[in-house]
Every structure is written in structure tokens, then in C-alpha cells.
């Protein structure tokens, strides 16, 4: 157990950040799944900028790696092109 006030505060703040990151990551994963399930190209193209923005925010905050974000966006772009 932590002995210092600052260590206790760090534990509290880390837990809060962990929950926030987890929520954002899960929300983005659900948006990606929703996009991949679409069959209408026009709707998918309208949703793509929103999903790409979500992915970019995760990468910017180091929740996911930048290369993973690029791979996800690339794969979604290819998927939309095949619709």
C-alpha cells in the first residue's frame, strides 16, 4: 500500500484515467463494428469521418499505438471502397 499522499493521489487519478480510457476505447470499437456491418456505401461514408476522428483521438492520447490507428483507418477505407 502507498505510504505517501502523492502516491495515494496517483492511485486515484490512475483509476479515473483507466476508466475513461476504457470507455473511449470500447465506444470506438463499437463504432468500428457498426461501420463494418453497414451495407450502404453512402451511410458508411458519412459515418467514416466520425470513426476516424475517434481513432485519431485514441492514438493522440496513447490509448492505442499510432500505427494501429493508421491500420484501422486504412482497413475501414478499403472496406468502404468495396461497398
PDB file of N, CA and C in Angstrom:
ATOM      1  N   UNK A   1       0.840  -1.185   0.000  1.00  0.00           N
ATOM      2  CA  UNK A   1       0.000   0.000   0.000  1.00  0.00           C
ATOM      3  C   UNK A   1       0.884   1.247   0.000  1.00  0.00           C
ATOM      4  N   UNK A   2       0.380   2.299  -0.609  1.00  0.00           N
ATOM      5  CA  UNK A   2       1.147   3.532  -0.724  1.00  0.00           C
ATOM      6  C   UNK A   2       1.317   4.212   0.632  1.00  0.00           C
ATOM      7  N   UNK A   3       2.466   4.815   0.819  1.00  0.00           N
ATOM      8  CA  UNK A   3       2.766   5.488   2.074  1.00  0.00           C
ATOM      9  C   UNK A   3       2.683   7.008   1.981  1.00  0.00           C
ATOM     10  N   UNK A   4       2.757   7.553   0.780  1.00  0.00           N
ATOM     11  CA  UNK A   4       2.797   8.998   0.616  1.00  0.00           C
ATOM     12  C   UNK A   4       1.481   9.515   0.073  1.00  0.00           C
ATOM     13  N   UNK A   5       1.192  10.760   0.419  1.00  0.00           N
ATOM     14  CA  UNK A   5      -0.029  11.400  -0.043  1.00  0.00           C
ATOM     15  C   UNK A   5      -0.073  11.447  -1.565  1.00  0.00           C
ATOM     16  N   UNK A   6       1.063  11.773  -2.165  1.00  0.00           N
ATOM     17  CA  UNK A   6       1.112  11.894  -3.624  1.00  0.00           C
ATOM     18  C   UNK A   6       0.879  10.539  -4.300  1.00  0.00           C
ATOM     19  N   UNK A   7       1.364   9.464  -3.655  1.00  0.00           N
ATOM     20  CA  UNK A   7       1.163   8.122  -4.219  1.00  0.00           C
ATOM     21  C   UNK A   7      -0.309   7.726  -4.142  1.00  0.00           C
ATOM     22  N   UNK A   8      -0.968   8.103  -3.057  1.00  0.00           N
ATOM     23  CA  UNK A   8      -2.400   7.823  -2.944  1.00  0.00           C
ATOM     24  C   UNK A   8      -3.190   8.585  -4.001  1.00  0.00           C
ATOM     25  N   UNK A   9      -2.805   9.823  -4.223  1.00  0.00           N
ATOM     26  CA  UNK A   9      -3.471  10.629  -5.244  1.00  0.00           C
ATOM     27  C   UNK A   9      -3.227  10.035  -6.629  1.00  0.00           C
ATOM     28  N   UNK A  10      -2.017   9.570  -6.869  1.00  0.00           N
ATOM     29  CA  UNK A  10      -1.678   8.958  -8.152  1.00  0.00           C
ATOM     30  C   UNK A  10      -2.542   7.719  -8.396  1.00  0.00           C
ATOM     31  N   UNK A  11      -2.765   6.923  -7.355  1.00  0.00           N
ATOM     32  CA  UNK A  11      -3.605   5.735  -7.476  1.00  0.00           C
ATOM     33  C   UNK A  11      -5.028   6.135  -7.871  1.00  0.00           C
ATOM     34  N   UNK A  12      -5.546   7.180  -7.218  1.00  0.00           N
ATOM     35  CA  UNK A  12      -6.902   7.636  -7.534  1.00  0.00           C
ATOM     36  C   UNK A  12      -6.993   8.158  -8.957  1.00  0.00           C
ATOM     37  N   UNK A  13      -6.023   8.970  -9.362  1.00  0.00           N
ATOM     38  CA  UNK A  13      -6.073   9.560 -10.694  1.00  0.00           C
ATOM     39  C   UNK A  13      -5.857   8.503 -11.777  1.00  0.00           C
ATOM     40  N   UNK A  14      -4.994   7.522 -11.503  1.00  0.00           N
ATOM     41  CA  UNK A  14      -4.779   6.455 -12.474  1.00  0.00           C
ATOM     42  C   UNK A  14      -6.051   5.656 -12.703  1.00  0.00           C
ATOM     43  N   UNK A  15      -6.791   5.391 -11.645  1.00  0.00           N
ATOM     44  CA  UNK A  15      -8.037   4.636 -11.778  1.00  0.00           C
ATOM     45  C   UNK A  15      -9.055   5.418 -12.599  1.00  0.00           C
ATOM     46  N   UNK A  16      -9.152   6.710 -12.343  1.00  0.00           N
ATOM     47  CA  UNK A  16     -10.083   7.544 -13.102  1.00  0.00           C
ATOM     48  C   UNK A  16      -9.700   7.575 -14.577  1.00  0.00           C
ATOM     49  N   UNK A  17      -8.410   7.713 -14.860  1.00  0.00           N
ATOM     50  CA  UNK A  17      -7.946   7.741 -16.250  1.00  0.00           C
ATOM     51  C   UNK A  17      -8.160   6.399 -16.926  1.00  0.00           C
ATOM     52  N   UNK A  18      -7.942   5.316 -16.176  1.00  0.00           N
ATOM     53  CA  UNK A  18      -8.133   3.974 -16.732  1.00  0.00           C
ATOM     54  C   UNK A  18      -9.584   3.775 -17.171  1.00  0.00           C
ATOM     55  N   UNK A  19     -10.525   4.208 -16.335  1.00  0.00           N
ATOM     56  CA  UNK A  19     -11.935   4.054 -16.671  1.00  0.00           C
ATOM     57  C   UNK A  19     -12.321   4.906 -17.879  1.00  0.00           C
ATOM     58  N   UNK A  20     -11.780   6.124 -17.942  1.00  0.00           N
ATOM     59  CA  UNK A  20     -12.060   6.999 -19.082  1.00  0.00           C
ATOM     60  C   UNK A  20     -11.508   6.396 -20.363  1.00  0.00           C
ATOM     61  N   UNK A  21     -10.256   5.918 -20.316  1.00  0.00           N
ATOM     62  CA  UNK A  21      -9.639   5.313 -21.499  1.00  0.00           C
ATOM     63  C   UNK A  21     -10.410   4.081 -21.944  1.00  0.00           C
ATOM     64  N   UNK A  22     -10.837   3.275 -20.978  1.00  0.00           N
ATOM     65  CA  UNK A  22     -11.570   2.054 -21.281  1.00  0.00           C
ATOM     66  C   UNK A  22     -12.891   2.378 -21.967  1.00  0.00           C
ATOM     67  N   UNK A  23     -13.592   3.398 -21.461  1.00  0.00           N
ATOM     68  CA  UNK A  23     -14.862   3.812 -22.055  1.00  0.00           C
ATOM     69  C   UNK A  23     -14.662   4.296 -23.490  1.00  0.00           C
ATOM     70  N   UNK A  24     -13.663   5.152 -23.702  1.00  0.00           N
ATOM     71  CA  UNK A  24     -13.416   5.691 -25.042  1.00  0.00           C
ATOM     72  C   UNK A  24     -13.020   4.591 -26.009  1.00  0.00           C
ATOM     73  N   UNK A  25     -12.185   3.654 -25.556  1.00  0.00           N
ATOM     74  CA  UNK A  25     -11.731   2.563 -26.422  1.00  0.00           C
ATOM     75  C   UNK A  25     -12.898   1.666 -26.800  1.00  0.00           C
ATOM     76  N   UNK A  26     -13.741   1.339 -25.839  1.00  0.00           N
ATOM     77  CA  UNK A  26     -14.889   0.474 -26.103  1.00  0.00           C
ATOM     78  C   UNK A  26     -15.873   1.161 -27.044  1.00  0.00           C
ATOM     79  N   UNK A  27     -16.118   2.445 -26.853  1.00  0.00           N
ATOM     80  CA  UNK A  27     -17.024   3.194 -27.707  1.00  0.00           C
ATOM     81  C   UNK A  27     -16.507   3.214 -29.145  1.00  0.00           C
ATOM     82  N   UNK A  28     -15.215   3.396 -29.303  1.00  0.00           N
ATOM     83  CA  UNK A  28     -14.624   3.411 -30.639  1.00  0.00           C
ATOM     84  C   UNK A  28     -14.726   2.044 -31.296  1.00  0.00           C
ATOM     85  N   UNK A  29     -14.457   0.985 -30.526  1.00  0.00           N
ATOM     86  CA  UNK A  29     -14.566  -0.369 -31.077  1.00  0.00           C
ATOM     87  C   UNK A  29     -15.994  -0.654 -31.545  1.00  0.00           C
ATOM     88  N   UNK A  30     -16.980  -0.201 -30.767  1.00  0.00           N
ATOM     89  CA  UNK A  30     -18.373  -0.398 -31.167  1.00  0.00           C
ATOM     90  C   UNK A  30     -18.696   0.373 -32.437  1.00  0.00           C
ATOM     91  N   UNK A  31     -18.158   1.578 -32.572  1.00  0.00           N
ATOM     92  CA  UNK A  31     -18.390   2.381 -33.779  1.00  0.00           C
ATOM     93  C   UNK A  31     -17.765   1.706 -34.997  1.00  0.00           C
ATOM     94  N   UNK A  32     -16.582   1.125 -34.820  1.00  0.00           N
ATOM     95  CA  UNK A  32     -15.916   0.417 -35.916  1.00  0.00           C
ATOM     96  C   UNK A  32     -16.758  -0.787 -36.339  1.00  0.00           C
ATOM     97  N   UNK A  33     -17.267  -1.531 -35.362  1.00  0.00           N
ATOM     98  CA  UNK A  33     -18.114  -2.687 -35.673  1.00  0.00           C
ATOM     99  C   UNK A  33     -19.366  -2.254 -36.418  1.00  0.00           C
ATOM    100  N   UNK A  34     -19.982  -1.153 -35.962  1.00  0.00           N
ATOM    101  CA  UNK A  34     -21.180  -0.640 -36.623  1.00  0.00           C
ATOM    102  C   UNK A  34     -20.876  -0.272 -38.080  1.00  0.00           C
ATOM    103  N   UNK A  35     -19.723   0.346 -38.306  1.00  0.00           N
ATOM    104  CA  UNK A  35     -19.328   0.729 -39.665  1.00  0.00           C
ATOM    105  C   UNK A  35     -19.100  -0.499 -40.532  1.00  0.00           C
ATOM    106  N   UNK A  36     -18.440  -1.517 -39.985  1.00  0.00           N
ATOM    107  CA  UNK A  36     -18.154  -2.732 -40.757  1.00  0.00           C
ATOM    108  C   UNK A  36     -19.415  -3.524 -41.088  1.00  0.00           C
ATOM    109  N   UNK A  37     -20.471  -3.365 -40.298  1.00  0.00           N
ATOM    110  CA  UNK A  37     -21.722  -4.077 -40.548  1.00  0.00           C
ATOM    111  C   UNK A  37     -22.603  -3.386 -41.584  1.00  0.00           C
ATOM    112  N   UNK A  38     -22.255  -2.161 -41.950  1.00  0.00           N
ATOM    113  CA  UNK A  38     -23.068  -1.414 -42.906  1.00  0.00           C
ATOM    114  C   UNK A  38     -22.970  -2.008 -44.299  1.00  0.00           C
ATOM    115  N   UNK A  39     -24.074  -1.908 -45.014  1.00  0.00           N
ATOM    116  CA  UNK A  39     -24.112  -2.395 -46.389  1.00  0.00           C
ATOM    117  C   UNK A  39     -24.353  -1.262 -47.379  1.00  0.00           C
ATOM    118  N   UNK A  40     -24.733  -0.095 -46.872  1.00  0.00           N
ATOM    119  CA  UNK A  40     -24.975   1.062 -47.716  1.00  0.00           C
ATOM    120  C   UNK A  40     -23.716   1.932 -47.754  1.00  0.00           C
ATOM    121  N   UNK A  41     -23.194   2.141 -48.950  1.00  0.00           N
ATOM    122  CA  UNK A  41     -21.934   2.877 -49.099  1.00  0.00           C
ATOM    123  C   UNK A  41     -22.073   4.332 -48.656  1.00  0.00           C
ATOM    124  N   UNK A  42     -23.208   4.952 -48.956  1.00  0.00           N
ATOM    125  CA  UNK A  42     -23.382   6.363 -48.620  1.00  0.00           C
ATOM    126  C   UNK A  42     -23.391   6.565 -47.106  1.00  0.00           C
ATOM    127  N   UNK A  43     -24.107   5.714 -46.389  1.00  0.00           N
ATOM    128  CA  UNK A  43     -24.150   5.815 -44.926  1.00  0.00           C
ATOM    129  C   UNK A  43     -22.771   5.564 -44.326  1.00  0.00           C
ATOM    130  N   UNK A  44     -22.057   4.605 -44.888  1.00  0.00           N
ATOM    131  CA  UNK A  44     -20.716   4.289 -44.381  1.00  0.00           C
ATOM    132  C   UNK A  44     -19.775   5.472 -44.591  1.00  0.00           C
ATOM    133  N   UNK A  45     -19.865   6.129 -45.737  1.00  0.00           N
ATOM    134  CA  UNK A  45     -19.010   7.289 -45.998  1.00  0.00           C
ATOM    135  C   UNK A  45     -19.336   8.447 -45.070  1.00  0.00           C
ATOM    136  N   UNK A  46     -20.610   8.576 -44.674  1.00  0.00           N
ATOM    137  CA  UNK A  46     -20.988   9.643 -43.757  1.00  0.00           C
ATOM    138  C   UNK A  46     -20.482   9.365 -42.347  1.00  0.00           C
ATOM    139  N   UNK A  47     -20.450   8.092 -41.957  1.00  0.00           N
ATOM    140  CA  UNK A  47     -20.017   7.722 -40.612  1.00  0.00           C
ATOM    141  C   UNK A  47     -18.496   7.677 -40.483  1.00  0.00           C
ATOM    142  N   UNK A  48     -17.797   7.443 -41.595  1.00  0.00           N
ATOM    143  CA  UNK A  48     -16.345   7.247 -41.541  1.00  0.00           C
ATOM    144  C   UNK A  48     -15.576   8.404 -40.900  1.00  0.00           C
ATOM    145  N   UNK A  49     -15.848   9.672 -41.238  1.00  0.00           N
ATOM    146  CA  UNK A  49     -15.071  10.761 -40.598  1.00  0.00           C
ATOM    147  C   UNK A  49     -15.210  10.773 -39.076  1.00  0.00           C
ATOM    148  N   UNK A  50     -16.388  10.437 -38.577  1.00  0.00           N
ATOM    149  CA  UNK A  50     -16.593  10.390 -37.134  1.00  0.00           C
ATOM    150  C   UNK A  50     -15.742   9.297 -36.505  1.00  0.00           C
ATOM    151  N   UNK A  51     -15.765   8.115 -37.118  1.00  0.00           N
ATOM    152  CA  UNK A  51     -14.998   6.983 -36.594  1.00  0.00           C
ATOM    153  C   UNK A  51     -13.500   7.263 -36.701  1.00  0.00           C
ATOM    154  N   UNK A  52     -13.076   7.831 -37.815  1.00  0.00           N
ATOM    155  CA  UNK A  52     -11.656   8.159 -37.983  1.00  0.00           C
ATOM    156  C   UNK A  52     -11.202   9.159 -36.933  1.00  0.00           C
ATOM    157  N   UNK A  53     -12.059  10.118 -36.609  1.00  0.00           N
ATOM    158  CA  UNK A  53     -11.735  11.084 -35.565  1.00  0.00           C
ATOM    159  C   UNK A  53     -11.589  10.427 -34.203  1.00  0.00           C
ATOM    160  N   UNK A  54     -12.470   9.468 -33.930  1.00  0.00           N
ATOM    161  CA  UNK A  54     -12.393   8.743 -32.661  1.00  0.00           C
ATOM    162  C   UNK A  54     -11.078   7.969 -32.575  1.00  0.00           C
ATOM    163  N   UNK A  55     -10.705   7.325 -33.682  1.00  0.00           N
ATOM    164  CA  UNK A  55      -9.464   6.547 -33.722  1.00  0.00           C
ATOM    165  C   UNK A  55      -8.260   7.472 -33.526  1.00  0.00           C
ATOM    166  N   UNK A  56      -8.286   8.625 -34.191  1.00  0.00           N
ATOM    167  CA  UNK A  56      -7.180   9.581 -34.057  1.00  0.00           C
ATOM    168  C   UNK A  56      -7.036  10.079 -32.622  1.00  0.00           C
ATOM    169  N   UNK A  57      -8.155  10.306 -31.940  1.00  0.00           N
ATOM    170  CA  UNK A  57      -8.090  10.765 -30.556  1.00  0.00           C
ATOM    171  C   UNK A  57      -7.470   9.707 -29.659  1.00  0.00           C
ATOM    172  N   UNK A  58      -7.810   8.439 -29.906  1.00  0.00           N
ATOM    173  CA  UNK A  58      -7.209   7.361 -29.111  1.00  0.00           C
ATOM    174  C   UNK A  58      -5.701   7.312 -29.324  1.00  0.00           C
ATOM    175  N   UNK A  59      -5.288   7.486 -30.578  1.00  0.00           N
ATOM    176  CA  UNK A  59      -3.851   7.450 -30.874  1.00  0.00           C
ATOM    177  C   UNK A  59      -3.132   8.655 -30.254  1.00  0.00           C
ATOM    178  N   UNK A  60      -3.779   9.805 -30.306  1.00  0.00           N
ATOM    179  CA  UNK A  60      -3.163  11.016 -29.759  1.00  0.00           C
ATOM    180  C   UNK A  60      -2.945  10.893 -28.253  1.00  0.00           C
ATOM    181  N   UNK A  61      -3.866  10.220 -27.573  1.00  0.00           N
ATOM    182  CA  UNK A  61      -3.760  10.056 -26.122  1.00  0.00           C
ATOM    183  C   UNK A  61      -3.005   8.794 -25.736  1.00  0.00           C
ATOM    184  N   UNK A  62      -2.400   8.138 -26.706  1.00  0.00           N
ATOM    185  CA  UNK A  62      -1.618   6.911 -26.489  1.00  0.00           C
ATOM    186  C   UNK A  62      -2.437   5.773 -25.881  1.00  0.00           C
ATOM    187  N   UNK A  63      -3.726   5.742 -26.159  1.00  0.00           N
ATOM    188  CA  UNK A  63      -4.552   4.619 -25.733  1.00  0.00           C
ATOM    189  C   UNK A  63      -4.300   3.451 -26.682  1.00  0.00           C
ATOM    190  N   UNK A  64      -4.140   3.780 -27.966  1.00  0.00           N
ATOM    191  CA  UNK A  64      -3.698   2.788 -28.946  1.00  0.00           C
ATOM    192  C   UNK A  64      -2.473   3.358 -29.658  1.00  0.00           C
ATOM    193  N   UNK A  65      -1.690   2.492 -30.261  1.00  0.00           N
ATOM    194  CA  UNK A  65      -0.476   2.906 -30.959  1.00  0.00           C
ATOM    195  C   UNK A  65      -0.853   3.629 -32.253  1.00  0.00           C
ATOM    196  N   UNK A  66      -0.035   4.558 -32.678  1.00  0.00           N
ATOM    197  CA  UNK A  66      -0.297   5.339 -33.886  1.00  0.00           C
ATOM    198  C   UNK A  66      -0.386   4.444 -35.118  1.00  0.00           C
ATOM    199  N   UNK A  67       0.459   3.410 -35.184  1.00  0.00           N
ATOM    200  CA  UNK A  67       0.423   2.512 -36.337  1.00  0.00           C
ATOM    201  C   UNK A  67      -0.870   1.700 -36.360  1.00  0.00           C
ATOM    202  N   UNK A  68      -1.360   1.311 -35.212  1.00  0.00           N
ATOM    203  CA  UNK A  68      -2.623   0.579 -35.146  1.00  0.00           C
ATOM    204  C   UNK A  68      -3.754   1.470 -35.648  1.00  0.00           C
ATOM    205  N   UNK A  69      -3.723   2.737 -35.257  1.00  0.00           N
ATOM    206  CA  UNK A  69      -4.741   3.679 -35.718  1.00  0.00           C
ATOM    207  C   UNK A  69      -4.699   3.800 -37.239  1.00  0.00           C
ATOM    208  N   UNK A  70      -3.505   3.896 -37.784  1.00  0.00           N
ATOM    209  CA  UNK A  70      -3.364   4.008 -39.232  1.00  0.00           C
ATOM    210  C   UNK A  70      -3.874   2.746 -39.926  1.00  0.00           C
ATOM    211  N   UNK A  71      -3.563   1.576 -39.349  1.00  0.00           N
ATOM    212  CA  UNK A  71      -4.033   0.319 -39.936  1.00  0.00           C
ATOM    213  C   UNK A  71      -5.554   0.206 -39.885  1.00  0.00           C
ATOM    214  N   UNK A  72      -6.144   0.627 -38.779  1.00  0.00           N
ATOM    215  CA  UNK A  72      -7.598   0.585 -38.661  1.00  0.00           C
ATOM    216  C   UNK A  72      -8.259   1.488 -39.698  1.00  0.00           C
ATOM    217  N   UNK A  73      -7.754   2.719 -39.806  1.00  0.00           N
ATOM    218  CA  UNK A  73      -8.342   3.664 -40.767  1.00  0.00           C
ATOM    219  C   UNK A  73      -8.159   3.168 -42.197  1.00  0.00           C
ATOM    220  N   UNK A  74      -7.002   2.590 -42.488  1.00  0.00           N
ATOM    221  CA  UNK A  74      -6.744   2.060 -43.819  1.00  0.00           C
ATOM    222  C   UNK A  74      -7.707   0.921 -44.144  1.00  0.00           C
ATOM    223  N   UNK A  75      -7.887   0.026 -43.190  1.00  0.00           N
ATOM    224  CA  UNK A  75      -8.795  -1.097 -43.404  1.00  0.00           C
ATOM    225  C   UNK A  75     -10.223  -0.643 -43.592  1.00  0.00           C
ATOM    226  N   UNK A  76     -10.646   0.359 -42.833  1.00  0.00           N
ATOM    227  CA  UNK A  76     -12.007   0.870 -42.982  1.00  0.00           C
ATOM    228  C   UNK A  76     -12.185   1.564 -44.332  1.00  0.00           C
ATOM    229  N   UNK A  77     -11.160   2.278 -44.770  1.00  0.00           N
ATOM    230  CA  UNK A  77     -11.221   2.935 -46.069  1.00  0.00           C
ATOM    231  C   UNK A  77     -11.370   1.915 -47.187  1.00  0.00           C
ATOM    232  N   UNK A  78     -10.589   0.839 -47.110  1.00  0.00           N
ATOM    233  CA  UNK A  78     -10.681  -0.224 -48.107  1.00  0.00           C
ATOM    234  C   UNK A  78     -12.061  -0.879 -48.072  1.00  0.00           C
ATOM    235  N   UNK A  79     -12.603  -1.070 -46.866  1.00  0.00           N
ATOM    236  CA  UNK A  79     -13.917  -1.680 -46.734  1.00  0.00           C
ATOM    237  C   UNK A  79     -14.972  -0.809 -47.405  1.00  0.00           C
ATOM    238  N   UNK A  80     -14.914   0.488 -47.155  1.00  0.00           N
ATOM    239  CA  UNK A  80     -15.904   1.408 -47.750  1.00  0.00           C
ATOM    240  C   UNK A  80     -15.780   1.426 -49.268  1.00  0.00           C
ATOM    241  N   UNK A  81     -14.546   1.322 -49.765  1.00  0.00           N
ATOM    242  CA  UNK A  81     -14.322   1.336 -51.210  1.00  0.00           C
ATOM    243  C   UNK A  81     -14.947   0.099 -51.878  1.00  0.00           C
ATOM    244  N   UNK A  82     -15.045  -1.013 -51.158  1.00  0.00           N
ATOM    245  CA  UNK A  82     -15.607  -2.221 -51.758  1.00  0.00           C
ATOM    246  C   UNK A  82     -17.124  -2.228 -51.742  1.00  0.00           C
ATOM    247  N   UNK A  83     -17.748  -1.320 -50.981  1.00  0.00           N
ATOM    248  CA  UNK A  83     -19.213  -1.287 -50.935  1.00  0.00           C
ATOM    249  C   UNK A  83     -19.807  -0.785 -52.229  1.00  0.00           C
TER     250      UNK A  83
END
